[in-house]
Amino acid sequence: MLNVDGVSKSYRQGGFFSSKRQLVLDDISFAMSKGECLGIIGESGSGKSTLGRILLGIEQPDRGTVVVAGKRAEDRRGHAGSLSAVFQDYTSSINPYYTVEEAMMEPLAMRCRDRQRQSREIDLLLRQVGLNPSYRTKYPHELSGGEAQRVCIARAVAVQPECILLDEAVSSLDGAVQVQVLELLKRLKTEYGIGYIFITHDIQAAAYMCDRILFLHNGRIEETVPVEQLKLVRSAYAKKLLRMVIA
């Protein structure tokens, strides 16, 4: 479903005329199968969000390739509907002037032009993420953080993607709401066969959600392990992150 081969990315440092560049991703390679949940773990500055933007085709790598469902990631129209995303900042993910219904209509229109069918699907999707269809008429400022993130998840599911990229999608929610959203994501995975790319700094959440975990440090992959072997990690960096959780 996803194949990343030799991806590197750097950014200019010191202004427009500077020749200095900071290497953010260095020779990243991994593959992900359909229906899998892959965790990408790293501290701030590890390069994980940059990698997420490259996987989505928002940015392009300096070197290497990303293929999503047989199409290059930068060909966003070519793989439209294969990979959708939910981000940390749910407050800016929904147009503040749109109702929930209007916000959800955007992705639905990509695959369905029948207004009555769109309306039925909005009701179904809202129920599936634990919201009453009466939420259709609400605006983003009328939603709690957990409710807004559920709407974002419903929007991501609306295009019936093979995979959803979740970039710190639960980290800004409080503990009880985090658990509810993680449970929701697991249920949707079972119902729809959706895979997830779960980008986070939270090892406990990743261990709960994922099949495999990839540790990213200073732009390089330190180690990739199945979740059931998480306690057997070998790299010093992965061991350090695990100790921080245990402590």
Protein backbone atom coordinates (compact mmCIF):
# COMPACT_ATOMS: atom_id res chain seq x y z
CA MET A 1 0.00 0.00 0.00
CA LEU A 2 2.88 2.36 0.86
CA ASN A 3 6.53 2.15 -0.13
CA VAL A 4 9.16 4.68 0.96
CA ASP A 5 12.58 4.32 -0.65
CA GLY A 6 15.68 6.36 0.22
CA VAL A 7 13.87 9.55 1.20
CA SER A 8 16.02 12.50 2.31
CA LYS A 9 14.98 16.09 3.01
CA SER A 10 16.87 19.23 4.04
CA TYR A 11 15.98 22.88 4.56
CA ARG A 12 17.96 26.05 3.97
CA GLN A 13 19.42 27.69 7.06
CA GLY A 14 20.48 31.29 7.61
CA GLY A 15 18.36 33.13 5.07
CA PHE A 16 17.66 33.05 1.36
CA PHE A 17 21.27 33.58 0.23
CA SER A 18 22.79 31.07 2.65
CA SER A 19 24.22 27.83 1.28
CA LYS A 20 23.85 26.06 4.64
CA ARG A 21 21.23 23.34 4.85
CA GLN A 22 19.90 21.30 7.76
CA LEU A 23 19.32 17.63 7.02
CA VAL A 24 15.92 16.70 8.48
CA LEU A 25 15.41 13.22 6.96
CA ASP A 26 18.27 10.97 5.95
CA ASP A 27 17.76 7.92 3.71
CA ILE A 28 14.38 6.82 5.06
CA SER A 29 13.10 3.49 3.68
CA PHE A 30 10.19 1.34 4.82
CA ALA A 31 7.09 -0.38 3.46
CA MET A 32 3.59 -0.75 4.84
CA SER A 33 0.95 -3.26 3.85
CA LYS A 34 -2.78 -2.67 3.42
CA GLY A 35 -4.69 -2.63 6.70
CA GLU A 36 -1.56 -2.32 8.83
CA CYS A 37 -1.14 0.24 11.60
CA LEU A 38 2.41 1.60 11.63
CA GLY A 39 3.56 3.83 14.47
CA ILE A 40 6.23 6.45 13.80
CA ILE A 41 7.72 7.47 17.14
CA GLY A 42 10.13 10.31 17.80
CA GLU A 43 10.78 13.31 20.00
CA SER A 44 10.29 16.89 18.79
CA GLY A 45 12.74 17.62 15.98
CA SER A 46 13.11 13.97 14.97
CA GLY A 47 11.65 14.66 11.51
CA LYS A 48 8.41 12.73 11.93
CA SER A 49 6.05 15.55 10.92
CA THR A 50 8.22 16.37 7.89
CA LEU A 51 8.00 12.71 6.92
CA GLY A 52 4.21 12.88 7.31
CA ARG A 53 3.96 15.85 4.94
CA ILE A 54 6.10 14.03 2.38
CA LEU A 55 3.94 10.90 2.63
CA LEU A 56 0.87 13.06 1.97
CA GLY A 57 2.54 14.74 -1.01
CA ILE A 58 2.37 18.18 0.67
CA GLU A 59 6.18 18.41 0.44
CA GLN A 60 8.59 16.66 -1.88
CA PRO A 61 11.80 14.92 -0.83
CA ASP A 62 15.21 16.06 -2.09
CA ARG A 63 15.97 12.42 -2.90
CA GLY A 64 14.06 9.17 -2.87
CA THR A 65 10.52 8.14 -3.73
CA VAL A 66 7.20 7.62 -1.97
CA VAL A 67 4.60 5.42 -3.67
CA VAL A 68 1.03 5.36 -2.31
CA ALA A 69 -1.33 2.73 -3.74
CA GLY A 70 0.84 2.47 -6.86
CA LYS A 71 1.07 6.26 -7.43
CA ARG A 72 3.84 8.72 -6.58
CA ALA A 73 2.96 10.71 -3.44
CA GLU A 74 3.40 14.05 -5.25
CA ASP A 75 0.68 12.96 -7.70
CA ARG A 76 -1.99 13.87 -5.18
CA ARG A 77 -4.82 13.52 -7.69
CA GLY A 78 -3.59 10.10 -8.74
CA HIS A 79 -3.84 8.64 -5.25
CA ALA A 80 -6.73 10.82 -4.06
CA GLY A 81 -8.87 8.77 -1.72
CA SER A 82 -6.12 6.27 -0.92
CA LEU A 83 -4.56 8.28 1.90
CA SER A 84 -6.28 10.89 4.07
CA ALA A 85 -5.10 12.67 7.20
CA VAL A 86 -6.06 13.88 10.67
CA PHE A 87 -3.79 16.47 12.30
CA GLN A 88 -3.12 17.63 15.86
CA ASP A 89 -4.60 21.10 15.44
CA TYR A 90 -8.26 20.31 14.96
CA THR A 91 -9.11 24.02 15.48
CA SER A 92 -7.59 24.90 12.10
CA SER A 93 -8.60 21.69 10.33
CA ILE A 94 -12.21 22.79 9.85
CA ASN A 95 -13.16 26.07 8.19
CA PRO A 96 -14.59 28.17 11.07
CA TYR A 97 -17.35 29.48 8.77
CA TYR A 98 -18.50 25.96 7.80
CA THR A 99 -21.02 23.89 9.67
CA VAL A 100 -20.12 20.26 10.37
CA GLU A 101 -22.34 19.27 7.43
CA GLU A 102 -20.57 21.66 5.04
CA ALA A 103 -17.15 20.51 6.23
CA MET A 104 -18.05 16.87 5.65
CA MET A 105 -19.64 17.56 2.28
CA GLU A 106 -16.23 18.51 0.82
CA PRO A 107 -14.61 15.04 0.96
CA LEU A 108 -17.90 13.25 0.20
CA ALA A 109 -18.26 15.22 -3.04
CA MET A 110 -15.02 13.61 -4.27
CA ARG A 111 -16.76 10.26 -4.73
CA CYS A 112 -20.49 10.98 -4.66
CA ARG A 113 -22.57 13.71 -6.36
CA ASP A 114 -25.98 12.56 -5.18
CA ARG A 115 -27.05 15.04 -2.48
CA GLN A 116 -29.49 12.65 -0.80
CA ARG A 117 -26.84 9.96 -0.58
CA GLN A 118 -24.35 12.50 0.78
CA SER A 119 -26.86 13.47 3.46
CA ARG A 120 -27.41 9.84 4.48
CA GLU A 121 -23.68 9.21 4.63
CA ILE A 122 -23.09 12.26 6.83
CA ASP A 123 -25.62 10.92 9.34
CA LEU A 124 -24.00 7.46 9.22
CA LEU A 125 -20.46 8.81 9.63
CA LEU A 126 -21.43 11.04 12.54
CA ARG A 127 -23.03 8.09 14.30
CA GLN A 128 -19.96 5.94 13.63
CA VAL A 129 -17.73 8.48 15.36
CA GLY A 130 -20.13 8.74 18.30
CA LEU A 131 -21.89 12.00 17.40
CA ASN A 132 -25.61 12.58 16.95
CA PRO A 133 -26.68 13.73 13.45
CA SER A 134 -27.92 16.94 15.13
CA TYR A 135 -24.24 18.00 15.10
CA ARG A 136 -24.61 18.67 11.36
CA THR A 137 -25.69 22.26 12.04
CA LYS A 138 -22.99 23.09 14.59
CA TYR A 139 -19.99 25.31 13.88
CA PRO A 140 -16.42 24.45 15.01
CA HIS A 141 -16.51 26.95 17.92
CA GLU A 142 -19.54 25.07 19.31
CA LEU A 143 -17.61 21.78 19.54
CA SER A 144 -15.37 20.48 22.31
CA GLY A 145 -11.85 19.35 21.35
CA GLY A 146 -12.90 15.71 21.34
CA GLU A 147 -15.99 16.43 19.26
CA ALA A 148 -14.00 18.47 16.72
CA GLN A 149 -11.45 15.69 16.36
CA ARG A 150 -14.24 13.15 15.85
CA VAL A 151 -15.57 15.32 13.01
CA CYS A 152 -12.05 15.39 11.52
CA ILE A 153 -11.90 11.60 11.72
CA ALA A 154 -15.33 11.31 10.09
CA ARG A 155 -14.12 13.57 7.25
CA ALA A 156 -11.02 11.41 6.79
CA VAL A 157 -13.14 8.23 6.67
CA ALA A 158 -15.63 9.84 4.25
CA VAL A 159 -13.37 9.30 1.22
CA GLN A 160 -13.11 5.58 2.09
CA PRO A 161 -9.30 5.64 2.17
CA GLU A 162 -7.04 2.63 2.38
CA CYS A 163 -5.05 4.44 5.06
CA ILE A 164 -5.33 7.47 7.37
CA LEU A 165 -2.25 9.37 8.49
CA LEU A 166 -2.70 10.59 12.07
CA ASP A 167 -0.14 13.27 12.98
CA GLU A 168 -0.24 13.70 16.79
CA ALA A 169 -4.00 13.43 16.35
CA VAL A 170 -4.77 12.67 20.02
CA SER A 171 -1.90 14.44 21.79
CA SER A 172 -3.82 17.69 22.44
CA LEU A 173 -6.81 15.88 23.96
CA ASP A 174 -7.13 15.15 27.66
CA GLY A 175 -6.60 11.60 28.93
CA ALA A 176 -10.19 10.35 29.01
CA VAL A 177 -10.97 11.77 25.56
CA GLN A 178 -7.73 10.31 24.17
CA VAL A 179 -8.83 6.84 25.24
CA GLN A 180 -12.26 7.34 23.64
CA VAL A 181 -10.73 8.48 20.33
CA LEU A 182 -8.21 5.61 20.29
CA GLU A 183 -11.06 3.14 20.88
CA LEU A 184 -12.97 4.79 18.04
CA LEU A 185 -9.99 4.47 15.68
CA LYS A 186 -9.58 0.78 16.51
CA ARG A 187 -13.27 0.15 15.85
CA LEU A 188 -13.15 1.97 12.51
CA LYS A 189 -10.10 -0.07 11.55
CA THR A 190 -12.08 -3.26 12.16
CA GLU A 191 -15.21 -2.02 10.37
CA TYR A 192 -13.53 -0.55 7.29
CA GLY A 193 -10.18 -2.37 7.11
CA ILE A 194 -8.42 0.99 7.24
CA GLY A 195 -4.68 1.14 7.88
CA TYR A 196 -3.11 3.90 9.97
CA ILE A 197 0.17 5.76 9.96
CA PHE A 198 0.25 6.84 13.59
CA ILE A 199 2.78 9.65 14.05
CA THR A 200 3.27 10.44 17.72
CA HIS A 201 5.68 10.96 20.61
CA ASP A 202 3.40 8.86 22.85
CA ILE A 203 4.73 5.29 23.00
CA GLN A 204 1.83 4.06 25.12
CA ALA A 205 -0.76 5.24 22.59
CA ALA A 206 1.29 3.75 19.74
CA ALA A 207 1.64 0.42 21.54
CA TYR A 208 -2.13 0.32 22.02
CA MET A 209 -2.90 1.14 18.38
CA CYS A 210 -0.11 -0.23 16.21
CA ASP A 211 1.15 -3.46 14.70
CA ARG A 212 4.72 -2.17 14.27
CA ILE A 213 6.63 0.82 15.62
CA LEU A 214 9.34 2.71 13.75
CA PHE A 215 11.68 4.82 15.91
CA LEU A 216 12.85 8.01 14.21
CA HIS A 217 15.80 9.95 15.66
CA ASN A 218 17.61 12.93 14.11
CA GLY A 219 16.03 12.14 10.76
CA ARG A 220 17.12 8.51 10.65
CA ILE A 221 15.33 5.24 11.39
CA GLU A 222 16.89 3.81 14.54
CA GLU A 223 14.84 0.63 14.71
CA THR A 224 11.55 -0.94 13.63
CA VAL A 225 9.90 -3.58 15.83
CA PRO A 226 6.57 -5.43 16.08
CA VAL A 227 4.59 -4.14 19.07
CA GLU A 228 4.74 -7.51 20.81
CA GLN A 229 8.56 -7.23 20.79
CA LEU A 230 8.65 -3.64 22.03
CA LYS A 231 10.44 -4.57 25.25
CA LEU A 232 13.19 -6.22 23.20
CA VAL A 233 14.34 -3.07 21.37
CA ARG A 234 18.10 -2.88 20.83
CA SER A 235 18.91 0.72 19.95
CA ALA A 236 19.95 3.06 22.76
CA TYR A 237 17.45 5.68 21.62
CA ALA A 238 14.46 3.30 21.66
CA LYS A 239 15.50 2.04 25.09
CA LYS A 240 15.71 5.64 26.35
CA LEU A 241 12.17 6.42 25.17
CA LEU A 242 10.84 3.26 26.78
CA ARG A 243 12.57 4.10 30.08
CA MET A 244 10.89 7.52 30.04
CA VAL A 245 7.48 5.82 29.86
CA ILE A 246 8.28 3.28 32.57
CA ALA A 247 9.67 6.00 34.86
